[in-house]
Amino acid sequence: MTPRCLPIRAAAEYLGIKESLFRERVAPEIASFSIGSRRLWDRKMLDRWLDRQSGIEETAFIAKPRTALDELLNT
């Protein structure tokens, strides 16, 4: 089972990057939180960050062009 809350080393590994790059590029853009003395990142937030970086998030909501059949069926 992959935990949802990841410490920095695991968060960097999850994204496939080094911890130093995570600190430099990712950590400033994603809010972390603390449980006790542990600083953690939410895996779902890491996924969203990665989606933005790869362009998936931008293209996921682009409407497809309507076809003549769509118009005929009023869909």
PDB file of N, CA and C in Angstrom:
ATOM      1  N   MET A   1       0.847  -1.174   0.000  1.00  0.00           N
ATOM      2  CA  MET A   1       0.000   0.000   0.000  1.00  0.00           C
ATOM      3  C   MET A   1       0.896   1.242   0.000  1.00  0.00           C
ATOM      4  N   THR A   2       0.628   2.167  -0.904  1.00  0.00           N
ATOM      5  CA  THR A   2       1.356   3.422  -0.945  1.00  0.00           C
ATOM      6  C   THR A   2       0.665   4.407  -0.014  1.00  0.00           C
ATOM      7  N   PRO A   3       1.388   4.932   0.968  1.00  0.00           N
ATOM      8  CA  PRO A   3       0.757   5.903   1.867  1.00  0.00           C
ATOM      9  C   PRO A   3       0.421   7.192   1.126  1.00  0.00           C
ATOM     10  N   ARG A   4      -0.618   7.855   1.553  1.00  0.00           N
ATOM     11  CA  ARG A   4      -1.008   9.108   0.906  1.00  0.00           C
ATOM     12  C   ARG A   4      -0.104  10.263   1.328  1.00  0.00           C
ATOM     13  N   CYS A   5       0.329  10.263   2.566  1.00  0.00           N
ATOM     14  CA  CYS A   5       1.196  11.322   3.081  1.00  0.00           C
ATOM     15  C   CYS A   5       2.639  10.855   3.015  1.00  0.00           C
ATOM     16  N   LEU A   6       3.480  11.621   2.308  1.00  0.00           N
ATOM     17  CA  LEU A   6       4.845  11.200   2.074  1.00  0.00           C
ATOM     18  C   LEU A   6       5.849  12.191   2.656  1.00  0.00           C
ATOM     19  N   PRO A   7       6.883  11.695   3.345  1.00  0.00           N
ATOM     20  CA  PRO A   7       7.968  12.575   3.757  1.00  0.00           C
ATOM     21  C   PRO A   7       8.773  12.980   2.524  1.00  0.00           C
ATOM     22  N   ILE A   8       9.647  13.947   2.658  1.00  0.00           N
ATOM     23  CA  ILE A   8      10.322  14.534   1.497  1.00  0.00           C
ATOM     24  C   ILE A   8      11.073  13.507   0.657  1.00  0.00           C
ATOM     25  N   ARG A   9      11.768  12.596   1.272  1.00  0.00           N
ATOM     26  CA  ARG A   9      12.524  11.612   0.494  1.00  0.00           C
ATOM     27  C   ARG A   9      11.587  10.746  -0.352  1.00  0.00           C
ATOM     28  N   ALA A  10      10.502  10.275   0.255  1.00  0.00           N
ATOM     29  CA  ALA A  10       9.538   9.437  -0.468  1.00  0.00           C
ATOM     30  C   ALA A  10       8.793  10.244  -1.531  1.00  0.00           C
ATOM     31  N   ALA A  11       8.497  11.517  -1.241  1.00  0.00           N
ATOM     32  CA  ALA A  11       7.818  12.370  -2.221  1.00  0.00           C
ATOM     33  C   ALA A  11       8.699  12.564  -3.452  1.00  0.00           C
ATOM     34  N   ALA A  12       9.992  12.786  -3.227  1.00  0.00           N
ATOM     35  CA  ALA A  12      10.921  12.937  -4.347  1.00  0.00           C
ATOM     36  C   ALA A  12      11.012  11.634  -5.140  1.00  0.00           C
ATOM     37  N   GLU A  13      11.115  10.523  -4.461  1.00  0.00           N
ATOM     38  CA  GLU A  13      11.172   9.223  -5.136  1.00  0.00           C
ATOM     39  C   GLU A  13       9.897   8.963  -5.923  1.00  0.00           C
ATOM     40  N   TYR A  14       8.752   9.337  -5.355  1.00  0.00           N
ATOM     41  CA  TYR A  14       7.465   9.156  -6.020  1.00  0.00           C
ATOM     42  C   TYR A  14       7.453   9.876  -7.372  1.00  0.00           C
ATOM     43  N   LEU A  15       8.071  11.075  -7.412  1.00  0.00           N
ATOM     44  CA  LEU A  15       8.130  11.844  -8.658  1.00  0.00           C
ATOM     45  C   LEU A  15       9.302  11.432  -9.539  1.00  0.00           C
ATOM     46  N   GLY A  16      10.186  10.600  -9.001  1.00  0.00           N
ATOM     47  CA  GLY A  16      11.321  10.129  -9.786  1.00  0.00           C
ATOM     48  C   GLY A  16      12.454  11.142  -9.888  1.00  0.00           C
ATOM     49  N   ILE A  17      12.573  11.994  -8.862  1.00  0.00           N
ATOM     50  CA  ILE A  17      13.623  13.011  -8.871  1.00  0.00           C
ATOM     51  C   ILE A  17      14.420  12.937  -7.572  1.00  0.00           C
ATOM     52  N   LYS A  18      15.545  13.646  -7.565  1.00  0.00           N
ATOM     53  CA  LYS A  18      16.370  13.699  -6.365  1.00  0.00           C
ATOM     54  C   LYS A  18      15.741  14.642  -5.347  1.00  0.00           C
ATOM     55  N   GLU A  19      16.058  14.390  -4.088  1.00  0.00           N
ATOM     56  CA  GLU A  19      15.510  15.206  -3.010  1.00  0.00           C
ATOM     57  C   GLU A  19      15.899  16.682  -3.166  1.00  0.00           C
ATOM     58  N   SER A  20      17.122  16.945  -3.610  1.00  0.00           N
ATOM     59  CA  SER A  20      17.563  18.331  -3.783  1.00  0.00           C
ATOM     60  C   SER A  20      16.723  19.050  -4.845  1.00  0.00           C
ATOM     61  N   LEU A  21      16.384  18.368  -5.928  1.00  0.00           N
ATOM     62  CA  LEU A  21      15.537  18.962  -6.962  1.00  0.00           C
ATOM     63  C   LEU A  21      14.123  19.160  -6.436  1.00  0.00           C
ATOM     64  N   PHE A  22      13.641  18.224  -5.643  1.00  0.00           N
ATOM     65  CA  PHE A  22      12.323  18.361  -5.025  1.00  0.00           C
ATOM     66  C   PHE A  22      12.280  19.627  -4.171  1.00  0.00           C
ATOM     67  N   ARG A  23      13.314  19.819  -3.338  1.00  0.00           N
ATOM     68  CA  ARG A  23      13.368  21.012  -2.473  1.00  0.00           C
ATOM     69  C   ARG A  23      13.389  22.299  -3.307  1.00  0.00           C
ATOM     70  N   GLU A  24      14.102  22.261  -4.402  1.00  0.00           N
ATOM     71  CA  GLU A  24      14.272  23.449  -5.237  1.00  0.00           C
ATOM     72  C   GLU A  24      13.047  23.775  -6.068  1.00  0.00           C
ATOM     73  N   ARG A  25      12.444  22.777  -6.721  1.00  0.00           N
ATOM     74  CA  ARG A  25      11.388  23.025  -7.706  1.00  0.00           C
ATOM     75  C   ARG A  25       9.979  22.709  -7.232  1.00  0.00           C
ATOM     76  N   VAL A  26       9.809  21.638  -6.449  1.00  0.00           N
ATOM     77  CA  VAL A  26       8.467  21.176  -6.111  1.00  0.00           C
ATOM     78  C   VAL A  26       7.983  21.752  -4.779  1.00  0.00           C
ATOM     79  N   ALA A  27       8.799  21.639  -3.750  1.00  0.00           N
ATOM     80  CA  ALA A  27       8.394  22.065  -2.404  1.00  0.00           C
ATOM     81  C   ALA A  27       7.889  23.510  -2.349  1.00  0.00           C
ATOM     82  N   PRO A  28       8.491  24.445  -3.088  1.00  0.00           N
ATOM     83  CA  PRO A  28       7.957  25.813  -3.038  1.00  0.00           C
ATOM     84  C   PRO A  28       6.559  25.963  -3.647  1.00  0.00           C
ATOM     85  N   GLU A  29       6.157  25.023  -4.479  1.00  0.00           N
ATOM     86  CA  GLU A  29       4.876  25.130  -5.173  1.00  0.00           C
ATOM     87  C   GLU A  29       3.751  24.320  -4.533  1.00  0.00           C
ATOM     88  N   ILE A  30       4.093  23.409  -3.642  1.00  0.00           N
ATOM     89  CA  ILE A  30       3.081  22.546  -3.035  1.00  0.00           C
ATOM     90  C   ILE A  30       3.143  22.704  -1.522  1.00  0.00           C
ATOM     91  N   ALA A  31       2.006  22.993  -0.934  1.00  0.00           N
ATOM     92  CA  ALA A  31       1.954  23.152   0.513  1.00  0.00           C
ATOM     93  C   ALA A  31       2.188  21.804   1.194  1.00  0.00           C
ATOM     94  N   SER A  32       3.039  21.828   2.177  1.00  0.00           N
ATOM     95  CA  SER A  32       3.241  20.645   3.007  1.00  0.00           C
ATOM     96  C   SER A  32       2.494  20.868   4.315  1.00  0.00           C
ATOM     97  N   PHE A  33       2.445  19.848   5.119  1.00  0.00           N
ATOM     98  CA  PHE A  33       1.812  19.967   6.436  1.00  0.00           C
ATOM     99  C   PHE A  33       2.595  19.116   7.410  1.00  0.00           C
ATOM    100  N   SER A  34       2.361  19.350   8.679  1.00  0.00           N
ATOM    101  CA  SER A  34       3.088  18.613   9.710  1.00  0.00           C
ATOM    102  C   SER A  34       2.143  17.760  10.527  1.00  0.00           C
ATOM    103  N   ILE A  35       2.619  16.580  10.829  1.00  0.00           N
ATOM    104  CA  ILE A  35       1.974  15.711  11.808  1.00  0.00           C
ATOM    105  C   ILE A  35       3.065  15.405  12.820  1.00  0.00           C
ATOM    106  N   GLY A  36       2.910  15.953  13.993  1.00  0.00           N
ATOM    107  CA  GLY A  36       3.993  15.861  14.968  1.00  0.00           C
ATOM    108  C   GLY A  36       5.180  16.636  14.444  1.00  0.00           C
ATOM    109  N   SER A  37       6.326  16.016  14.425  1.00  0.00           N
ATOM    110  CA  SER A  37       7.534  16.684  13.922  1.00  0.00           C
ATOM    111  C   SER A  37       7.820  16.354  12.464  1.00  0.00           C
ATOM    112  N   ARG A  38       6.950  15.591  11.829  1.00  0.00           N
ATOM    113  CA  ARG A  38       7.172  15.171  10.438  1.00  0.00           C
ATOM    114  C   ARG A  38       6.526  16.130   9.456  1.00  0.00           C
ATOM    115  N   ARG A  39       7.281  16.556   8.462  1.00  0.00           N
ATOM    116  CA  ARG A  39       6.781  17.384   7.370  1.00  0.00           C
ATOM    117  C   ARG A  39       6.394  16.437   6.240  1.00  0.00           C
ATOM    118  N   LEU A  40       5.165  16.572   5.759  1.00  0.00           N
ATOM    119  CA  LEU A  40       4.622  15.625   4.783  1.00  0.00           C
ATOM    120  C   LEU A  40       3.992  16.341   3.597  1.00  0.00           C
ATOM    121  N   TRP A  41       3.958  15.613   2.470  1.00  0.00           N
ATOM    122  CA  TRP A  41       3.290  16.092   1.257  1.00  0.00           C
ATOM    123  C   TRP A  41       2.210  15.091   0.876  1.00  0.00           C
ATOM    124  N   ASP A  42       1.070  15.607   0.442  1.00  0.00           N
ATOM    125  CA  ASP A  42      -0.058  14.781   0.020  1.00  0.00           C
ATOM    126  C   ASP A  42       0.226  14.248  -1.386  1.00  0.00           C
ATOM    127  N   ARG A  43       0.129  12.947  -1.564  1.00  0.00           N
ATOM    128  CA  ARG A  43       0.392  12.305  -2.850  1.00  0.00           C
ATOM    129  C   ARG A  43      -0.526  12.841  -3.945  1.00  0.00           C
ATOM    130  N   LYS A  44      -1.777  13.155  -3.603  1.00  0.00           N
ATOM    131  CA  LYS A  44      -2.704  13.692  -4.599  1.00  0.00           C
ATOM    132  C   LYS A  44      -2.249  15.067  -5.089  1.00  0.00           C
ATOM    133  N   MET A  45      -1.672  15.865  -4.206  1.00  0.00           N
ATOM    134  CA  MET A  45      -1.142  17.167  -4.607  1.00  0.00           C
ATOM    135  C   MET A  45       0.083  16.988  -5.508  1.00  0.00           C
ATOM    136  N   LEU A  46       0.882  15.977  -5.217  1.00  0.00           N
ATOM    137  CA  LEU A  46       2.030  15.678  -6.080  1.00  0.00           C
ATOM    138  C   LEU A  46       1.555  15.280  -7.472  1.00  0.00           C
ATOM    139  N   ASP A  47       0.495  14.480  -7.521  1.00  0.00           N
ATOM    140  CA  ASP A  47      -0.072  14.087  -8.821  1.00  0.00           C
ATOM    141  C   ASP A  47      -0.564  15.309  -9.597  1.00  0.00           C
ATOM    142  N   ARG A  48      -1.252  16.228  -8.912  1.00  0.00           N
ATOM    143  CA  ARG A  48      -1.750  17.433  -9.586  1.00  0.00           C
ATOM    144  C   ARG A  48      -0.601  18.291 -10.091  1.00  0.00           C
ATOM    145  N   TRP A  49       0.455  18.427  -9.279  1.00  0.00           N
ATOM    146  CA  TRP A  49       1.621  19.199  -9.702  1.00  0.00           C
ATOM    147  C   TRP A  49       2.217  18.581 -10.963  1.00  0.00           C
ATOM    148  N   LEU A  50       2.363  17.260 -10.958  1.00  0.00           N
ATOM    149  CA  LEU A  50       2.931  16.567 -12.110  1.00  0.00           C
ATOM    150  C   LEU A  50       2.038  16.709 -13.340  1.00  0.00           C
ATOM    151  N   ASP A  51       0.727  16.646 -13.150  1.00  0.00           N
ATOM    152  CA  ASP A  51      -0.211  16.843 -14.263  1.00  0.00           C
ATOM    153  C   ASP A  51      -0.039  18.227 -14.881  1.00  0.00           C
ATOM    154  N   ARG A  52       0.146  19.250 -14.042  1.00  0.00           N
ATOM    155  CA  ARG A  52       0.361  20.603 -14.566  1.00  0.00           C
ATOM    156  C   ARG A  52       1.676  20.678 -15.335  1.00  0.00           C
ATOM    157  N   GLN A  53       2.712  20.058 -14.812  1.00  0.00           N
ATOM    158  CA  GLN A  53       4.022  20.101 -15.463  1.00  0.00           C
ATOM    159  C   GLN A  53       3.997  19.410 -16.812  1.00  0.00           C
ATOM    160  N   SER A  54       3.262  18.309 -16.904  1.00  0.00           N
ATOM    161  CA  SER A  54       3.246  17.527 -18.145  1.00  0.00           C
ATOM    162  C   SER A  54       2.209  18.022 -19.149  1.00  0.00           C
ATOM    163  N   GLY A  55       1.342  18.944 -18.724  1.00  0.00           N
ATOM    164  CA  GLY A  55       0.316  19.468 -19.611  1.00  0.00           C
ATOM    165  C   GLY A  55      -0.972  18.675 -19.603  1.00  0.00           C
ATOM    166  N   ILE A  56      -1.038  17.620 -18.836  1.00  0.00           N
ATOM    167  CA  ILE A  56      -2.260  16.803 -18.787  1.00  0.00           C
ATOM    168  C   ILE A  56      -3.426  17.616 -18.261  1.00  0.00           C
ATOM    169  N   GLU A  57      -3.203  18.380 -17.220  1.00  0.00           N
ATOM    170  CA  GLU A  57      -4.291  19.142 -16.605  1.00  0.00           C
ATOM    171  C   GLU A  57      -4.888  20.138 -17.582  1.00  0.00           C
ATOM    172  N   GLU A  58      -4.075  20.775 -18.384  1.00  0.00           N
ATOM    173  CA  GLU A  58      -4.560  21.763 -19.330  1.00  0.00           C
ATOM    174  C   GLU A  58      -5.383  21.139 -20.440  1.00  0.00           C
ATOM    175  N   THR A  59      -4.985  19.967 -20.917  1.00  0.00           N
ATOM    176  CA  THR A  59      -5.686  19.354 -22.044  1.00  0.00           C
ATOM    177  C   THR A  59      -6.896  18.535 -21.618  1.00  0.00           C
ATOM    178  N   ALA A  60      -6.990  18.203 -20.350  1.00  0.00           N
ATOM    179  CA  ALA A  60      -8.081  17.345 -19.888  1.00  0.00           C
ATOM    180  C   ALA A  60      -9.443  18.026 -20.014  1.00  0.00           C
ATOM    181  N   PHE A  61      -9.468  19.367 -20.008  1.00  0.00           N
ATOM    182  CA  PHE A  61     -10.745  20.055 -19.994  1.00  0.00           C
ATOM    183  C   PHE A  61     -11.038  20.808 -21.287  1.00  0.00           C
ATOM    184  N   ILE A  62     -10.254  20.557 -22.311  1.00  0.00           N
ATOM    185  CA  ILE A  62     -10.521  21.178 -23.601  1.00  0.00           C
ATOM    186  C   ILE A  62     -11.668  20.434 -24.274  1.00  0.00           C
ATOM    187  N   ALA A  63     -12.691  21.158 -24.625  1.00  0.00           N
ATOM    188  CA  ALA A  63     -13.867  20.521 -25.230  1.00  0.00           C
ATOM    189  C   ALA A  63     -13.532  20.058 -26.641  1.00  0.00           C
ATOM    190  N   LYS A  64     -14.027  18.889 -26.993  1.00  0.00           N
ATOM    191  CA  LYS A  64     -13.803  18.405 -28.350  1.00  0.00           C
ATOM    192  C   LYS A  64     -14.749  19.142 -29.288  1.00  0.00           C
ATOM    193  N   PRO A  65     -14.345  19.335 -30.520  1.00  0.00           N
ATOM    194  CA  PRO A  65     -15.206  20.036 -31.485  1.00  0.00           C
ATOM    195  C   PRO A  65     -16.498  19.258 -31.716  1.00  0.00           C
ATOM    196  N   ARG A  66     -17.581  19.999 -31.890  1.00  0.00           N
ATOM    197  CA  ARG A  66     -18.863  19.356 -32.158  1.00  0.00           C
ATOM    198  C   ARG A  66     -18.919  18.945 -33.628  1.00  0.00           C
ATOM    199  N   THR A  67     -19.458  17.792 -33.853  1.00  0.00           N
ATOM    200  CA  THR A  67     -19.613  17.300 -35.222  1.00  0.00           C
ATOM    201  C   THR A  67     -21.042  17.555 -35.694  1.00  0.00           C
ATOM    202  N   ALA A  68     -21.274  17.335 -36.973  1.00  0.00           N
ATOM    203  CA  ALA A  68     -22.624  17.464 -37.523  1.00  0.00           C
ATOM    204  C   ALA A  68     -23.582  16.498 -36.830  1.00  0.00           C
ATOM    205  N   LEU A  69     -23.086  15.302 -36.490  1.00  0.00           N
ATOM    206  CA  LEU A  69     -23.936  14.330 -35.794  1.00  0.00           C
ATOM    207  C   LEU A  69     -24.293  14.839 -34.408  1.00  0.00           C
ATOM    208  N   ASP A  70     -23.353  15.458 -33.695  1.00  0.00           N
ATOM    209  CA  ASP A  70     -23.640  16.033 -32.399  1.00  0.00           C
ATOM    210  C   ASP A  70     -24.751  17.075 -32.512  1.00  0.00           C
ATOM    211  N   GLU A  71     -24.641  17.920 -33.536  1.00  0.00           N
ATOM    212  CA  GLU A  71     -25.643  18.954 -33.754  1.00  0.00           C
ATOM    213  C   GLU A  71     -27.012  18.324 -34.053  1.00  0.00           C
ATOM    214  N   LEU A  72     -27.010  17.311 -34.890  1.00  0.00           N
ATOM    215  CA  LEU A  72     -28.257  16.639 -35.260  1.00  0.00           C
ATOM    216  C   LEU A  72     -28.905  15.996 -34.045  1.00  0.00           C
ATOM    217  N   LEU A  73     -28.099  15.362 -33.214  1.00  0.00           N
ATOM    218  CA  LEU A  73     -28.621  14.685 -32.023  1.00  0.00           C
ATOM    219  C   LEU A  73     -28.797  15.633 -30.844  1.00  0.00           C
ATOM    220  N   ASN A  74     -28.326  16.894 -31.030  1.00  0.00           N
ATOM    221  CA  ASN A  74     -28.406  17.901 -29.991  1.00  0.00           C
ATOM    222  C   ASN A  74     -27.736  17.429 -28.709  1.00  0.00           C
ATOM    223  N   THR A  75     -26.508  16.873 -28.860  1.00  0.00           N
ATOM    224  CA  THR A  75     -25.758  16.411 -27.689  1.00  0.00           C
ATOM    225  C   THR A  75     -24.598  17.303 -27.403  1.00  0.00           C
TER     226      THR A  75
END
